[in-house]
Amino acid sequence: MSQGPCRHKETWWWNEEVAEAAREKKKKYGNWKKENSSEARKEYKKSRQNTKRLFPQQMRRKEGICNLRVYSELFVKVAYFNLPTEN
């Protein structure tokens, strides 16, 4: 049994686009298992590939936005401390 609070309360890169892809994949999986046809399996595999491709894209996109924010704040601080002084 693990102890302590959950460390991962939210996934920072999860958005509505990722959630929609995950829902669609889950739905296609259910259809494949219920129908047990090759066409349903192909649809599921296509949806699974799309979802696998989408997750890293969204993670990189969100990571880029976070890095941009950090670097812009850093630039403002560096520019503030490097202001020429008047004598």
C-alpha atoms as a PDB file:
ATOM      1  CA  MET A   1       0.000   0.000   0.000  1.00  0.00           C
ATOM      2  CA  SER A   2       1.408   3.374  -0.947  1.00  0.00           C
ATOM      3  CA  GLN A   3       1.524   6.156   1.562  1.00  0.00           C
ATOM      4  CA  GLY A   4       1.148   9.882   1.273  1.00  0.00           C
ATOM      5  CA  PRO A   5      -0.848  12.084  -1.066  1.00  0.00           C
ATOM      6  CA  CYS A   6      -0.952  11.600  -4.807  1.00  0.00           C
ATOM      7  CA  ARG A   7       1.908  13.505  -6.432  1.00  0.00           C
ATOM      8  CA  HIS A   8       0.321  13.720  -9.875  1.00  0.00           C
ATOM      9  CA  LYS A   9      -2.890  15.630  -9.404  1.00  0.00           C
ATOM     10  CA  GLU A  10      -3.172  16.896 -12.958  1.00  0.00           C
ATOM     11  CA  THR A  11      -1.536  16.268 -16.276  1.00  0.00           C
ATOM     12  CA  TRP A  12      -0.188  19.582 -17.507  1.00  0.00           C
ATOM     13  CA  TRP A  13      -0.371  18.702 -21.215  1.00  0.00           C
ATOM     14  CA  TRP A  14      -3.894  17.196 -21.224  1.00  0.00           C
ATOM     15  CA  ASN A  15      -6.419  19.304 -23.121  1.00  0.00           C
ATOM     16  CA  GLU A  16      -9.745  18.842 -24.890  1.00  0.00           C
ATOM     17  CA  GLU A  17      -8.115  17.638 -28.119  1.00  0.00           C
ATOM     18  CA  VAL A  18      -6.251  14.876 -26.289  1.00  0.00           C
ATOM     19  CA  ALA A  19      -9.355  13.948 -24.297  1.00  0.00           C
ATOM     20  CA  GLU A  20     -11.424  13.677 -27.491  1.00  0.00           C
ATOM     21  CA  ALA A  21      -8.814  11.402 -29.098  1.00  0.00           C
ATOM     22  CA  ALA A  22      -8.755   9.201 -25.987  1.00  0.00           C
ATOM     23  CA  ARG A  23     -12.570   8.972 -25.936  1.00  0.00           C
ATOM     24  CA  GLU A  24     -12.662   8.082 -29.628  1.00  0.00           C
ATOM     25  CA  LYS A  25      -9.995   5.394 -29.172  1.00  0.00           C
ATOM     26  CA  LYS A  26     -11.923   3.891 -26.250  1.00  0.00           C
ATOM     27  CA  LYS A  27     -15.136   3.891 -28.277  1.00  0.00           C
ATOM     28  CA  LYS A  28     -13.453   2.229 -31.269  1.00  0.00           C
ATOM     29  CA  TYR A  29     -11.931  -0.390 -28.961  1.00  0.00           C
ATOM     30  CA  GLY A  30     -15.391  -1.220 -27.585  1.00  0.00           C
ATOM     31  CA  ASN A  31     -16.796  -1.489 -31.124  1.00  0.00           C
ATOM     32  CA  TRP A  32     -13.950  -3.801 -32.157  1.00  0.00           C
ATOM     33  CA  LYS A  33     -14.465  -6.108 -29.171  1.00  0.00           C
ATOM     34  CA  LYS A  34     -18.246  -6.147 -29.634  1.00  0.00           C
ATOM     35  CA  GLU A  35     -18.277  -6.694 -33.422  1.00  0.00           C
ATOM     36  CA  ASN A  36     -15.047  -8.731 -33.644  1.00  0.00           C
ATOM     37  CA  SER A  37     -14.579  -7.709 -37.293  1.00  0.00           C
ATOM     38  CA  SER A  38     -11.446  -6.836 -39.203  1.00  0.00           C
ATOM     39  CA  GLU A  39     -12.933  -3.480 -40.264  1.00  0.00           C
ATOM     40  CA  ALA A  40     -13.570  -2.467 -36.646  1.00  0.00           C
ATOM     41  CA  ARG A  41     -10.022  -3.570 -35.774  1.00  0.00           C
ATOM     42  CA  LYS A  42      -8.589  -1.378 -38.556  1.00  0.00           C
ATOM     43  CA  GLU A  43     -10.583   1.604 -37.306  1.00  0.00           C
ATOM     44  CA  TYR A  44      -9.332   0.995 -33.761  1.00  0.00           C
ATOM     45  CA  LYS A  45      -5.707   0.682 -34.898  1.00  0.00           C
ATOM     46  CA  LYS A  46      -5.995   3.925 -36.883  1.00  0.00           C
ATOM     47  CA  SER A  47      -7.489   5.708 -33.870  1.00  0.00           C
ATOM     48  CA  ARG A  48      -4.794   4.267 -31.591  1.00  0.00           C
ATOM     49  CA  GLN A  49      -2.023   5.468 -33.915  1.00  0.00           C
ATOM     50  CA  ASN A  50      -3.579   8.932 -34.041  1.00  0.00           C
ATOM     51  CA  THR A  51      -3.765   9.063 -30.261  1.00  0.00           C
ATOM     52  CA  LYS A  52      -0.163   7.888 -29.875  1.00  0.00           C
ATOM     53  CA  ARG A  53       0.948  10.592 -32.283  1.00  0.00           C
ATOM     54  CA  LEU A  54      -1.136  13.291 -30.608  1.00  0.00           C
ATOM     55  CA  PHE A  55       0.108  12.800 -27.029  1.00  0.00           C
ATOM     56  CA  PRO A  56       3.768  13.720 -27.658  1.00  0.00           C
ATOM     57  CA  GLN A  57       2.731  16.588 -29.945  1.00  0.00           C
ATOM     58  CA  GLN A  58       0.635  18.155 -27.209  1.00  0.00           C
ATOM     59  CA  MET A  59       3.353  17.568 -24.615  1.00  0.00           C
ATOM     60  CA  ARG A  60       5.952  19.321 -26.799  1.00  0.00           C
ATOM     61  CA  ARG A  61       3.520  22.163 -27.562  1.00  0.00           C
ATOM     62  CA  LYS A  62       2.727  22.770 -23.893  1.00  0.00           C
ATOM     63  CA  GLU A  63       6.395  22.427 -22.958  1.00  0.00           C
ATOM     64  CA  GLY A  64       7.262  25.062 -25.571  1.00  0.00           C
ATOM     65  CA  ILE A  65       4.657  27.441 -24.176  1.00  0.00           C
ATOM     66  CA  CYS A  66       6.001  26.951 -20.642  1.00  0.00           C
ATOM     67  CA  ASN A  67       9.595  27.483 -21.802  1.00  0.00           C
ATOM     68  CA  LEU A  68       8.619  30.627 -23.682  1.00  0.00           C
ATOM     69  CA  ARG A  69       6.972  32.015 -20.559  1.00  0.00           C
ATOM     70  CA  VAL A  70      10.010  31.238 -18.400  1.00  0.00           C
ATOM     71  CA  TYR A  71      12.464  32.715 -20.904  1.00  0.00           C
ATOM     72  CA  SER A  72      10.406  35.884 -21.354  1.00  0.00           C
ATOM     73  CA  GLU A  73      10.305  36.410 -17.587  1.00  0.00           C
ATOM     74  CA  LEU A  74      14.039  35.759 -17.400  1.00  0.00           C
ATOM     75  CA  PHE A  75      14.695  38.242 -20.211  1.00  0.00           C
ATOM     76  CA  VAL A  76      12.723  40.939 -18.392  1.00  0.00           C
ATOM     77  CA  LYS A  77      14.719  40.346 -15.195  1.00  0.00           C
ATOM     78  CA  VAL A  78      18.059  40.372 -17.009  1.00  0.00           C
ATOM     79  CA  ALA A  79      17.127  43.507 -18.919  1.00  0.00           C
ATOM     80  CA  TYR A  80      16.076  45.192 -15.679  1.00  0.00           C
ATOM     81  CA  PHE A  81      19.361  44.449 -13.933  1.00  0.00           C
ATOM     82  CA  ASN A  82      21.479  45.452 -16.932  1.00  0.00           C
ATOM     83  CA  LEU A  83      19.982  48.918 -17.293  1.00  0.00           C
ATOM     84  CA  PRO A  84      22.593  51.636 -17.710  1.00  0.00           C
ATOM     85  CA  THR A  85      22.934  53.778 -14.630  1.00  0.00           C
ATOM     86  CA  GLU A  86      23.014  57.547 -14.715  1.00  0.00           C
ATOM     87  CA  ASN A  87      25.818  59.296 -12.844  1.00  0.00           C
END
